[in-house]
């Protein structure tokens, strides 16, 4: 119950802030992928300002997640294999308190 309450306390203001940001940034911007001809670009797209900002944010989160997942691969690969059928699990060894 406490986890749901904390999630609501954090997610509701975050959602409100995102909606306010999107509404405040509805100016039209031209995104061009032709740096050589700015007057008549080969491909350009007119969109609201918040769309490329959110797209960059989402792409950054995905790239960061993939980089983190790949960087932690050596620890995932180092995990011991599960015990075979009929074999008891290895005992847990704890260090005594200091």
Protein backbone atom coordinates (compact mmCIF):
# COMPACT_ATOMS: atom_id res chain seq x y z
CA UNK A 1 0.00 0.00 0.00
CA UNK A 2 2.83 2.40 0.88
CA UNK A 3 4.56 1.69 -2.43
CA UNK A 4 1.40 2.59 -4.36
CA UNK A 5 0.97 5.77 -2.34
CA UNK A 6 4.57 6.86 -2.98
CA UNK A 7 4.18 6.04 -6.69
CA UNK A 8 1.05 8.19 -6.88
CA UNK A 9 2.72 11.03 -4.99
CA UNK A 10 5.63 11.00 -7.47
CA UNK A 11 3.92 10.03 -10.74
CA UNK A 12 0.92 12.37 -10.63
CA UNK A 13 2.98 15.59 -10.32
CA UNK A 14 5.41 14.24 -12.92
CA UNK A 15 2.55 13.57 -15.36
CA UNK A 16 1.12 17.05 -14.73
CA UNK A 17 4.54 18.61 -15.35
CA UNK A 18 4.93 16.68 -18.63
CA UNK A 19 1.49 17.77 -19.85
CA UNK A 20 2.17 21.40 -18.89
CA UNK A 21 5.53 21.25 -20.70
CA UNK A 22 3.91 19.82 -23.84
CA UNK A 23 1.13 22.42 -23.86
CA UNK A 24 3.59 25.29 -23.31
CA UNK A 25 5.87 24.13 -26.18
CA UNK A 26 3.44 23.77 -29.06
CA UNK A 27 5.32 26.16 -31.36
CA UNK A 28 6.00 24.83 -34.82
CA UNK A 29 9.64 24.01 -35.57
CA UNK A 30 11.21 22.71 -38.75
CA UNK A 31 13.47 19.70 -38.39
CA UNK A 32 15.80 19.39 -41.37
CA UNK A 33 18.23 16.61 -42.21
CA UNK A 34 19.94 18.51 -45.04
CA UNK A 35 22.74 20.75 -43.71
CA UNK A 36 23.82 21.91 -47.19
CA UNK A 37 20.62 23.54 -48.48
CA UNK A 38 18.78 25.31 -45.69
CA UNK A 39 16.41 27.16 -48.04
CA UNK A 40 15.08 24.02 -49.76
CA UNK A 41 16.12 20.94 -47.75
CA UNK A 42 15.80 17.49 -49.28
CA UNK A 43 13.86 16.27 -46.25
CA UNK A 44 12.31 18.41 -43.57
CA UNK A 45 9.47 17.97 -41.15
CA UNK A 46 7.39 20.59 -39.35
CA UNK A 47 6.32 19.50 -35.90
CA UNK A 48 5.62 20.84 -32.44
CA UNK A 49 8.68 21.65 -30.33
CA UNK A 50 7.93 19.13 -27.58
CA UNK A 51 7.91 16.18 -30.01
CA UNK A 52 11.67 16.19 -30.81
CA UNK A 53 12.45 16.94 -27.15
CA UNK A 54 10.46 13.92 -25.95
CA UNK A 55 11.86 11.78 -28.78
CA UNK A 56 15.42 12.67 -27.77
CA UNK A 57 14.60 11.93 -24.13
CA UNK A 58 13.11 8.52 -24.95
CA UNK A 59 15.98 7.60 -27.28
CA UNK A 60 18.48 8.61 -24.57
CA UNK A 61 16.76 6.45 -21.97
CA UNK A 62 16.74 3.46 -24.33
CA UNK A 63 20.41 3.90 -25.26
CA UNK A 64 21.36 4.30 -21.58
CA UNK A 65 19.42 1.18 -20.63
CA UNK A 66 21.05 -0.88 -23.37
CA UNK A 67 24.51 0.41 -22.42
CA UNK A 68 23.89 -0.41 -18.76
CA UNK A 69 22.58 -3.88 -19.63
CA UNK A 70 25.58 -4.61 -21.84
CA UNK A 71 27.98 -3.25 -19.21
CA UNK A 72 26.58 -5.58 -16.55
CA UNK A 73 26.88 -8.65 -18.75
CA UNK A 74 29.98 -9.97 -17.02
CA UNK A 75 28.11 -10.13 -13.70
CA UNK A 76 25.10 -11.83 -15.26
CA UNK A 77 27.37 -14.38 -16.91
CA UNK A 78 29.26 -15.00 -13.64
CA UNK A 79 26.17 -16.19 -11.81
CA UNK A 80 26.37 -19.80 -10.83
CA UNK A 81 24.19 -22.28 -12.61
CA UNK A 82 21.13 -23.54 -10.74
CA UNK A 83 21.58 -26.75 -8.75
CA UNK A 84 20.84 -30.00 -10.54
CA UNK A 85 17.79 -32.04 -9.66
CA UNK A 86 18.22 -33.85 -6.34
CA UNK A 87 21.20 -31.72 -5.31
CA UNK A 88 20.71 -29.36 -2.35
CA UNK A 89 21.59 -25.70 -2.85
CA UNK A 90 24.95 -24.44 -1.60
CA UNK A 91 24.83 -23.14 2.00
CA UNK A 92 24.77 -19.40 2.50
CA UNK A 93 27.94 -18.13 4.14
CA UNK A 94 27.71 -14.86 6.03
CA UNK A 95 30.55 -12.90 7.55
CA UNK A 96 30.29 -12.25 11.28
CA UNK A 97 29.38 -8.69 12.25
CA UNK A 98 32.28 -6.35 12.87
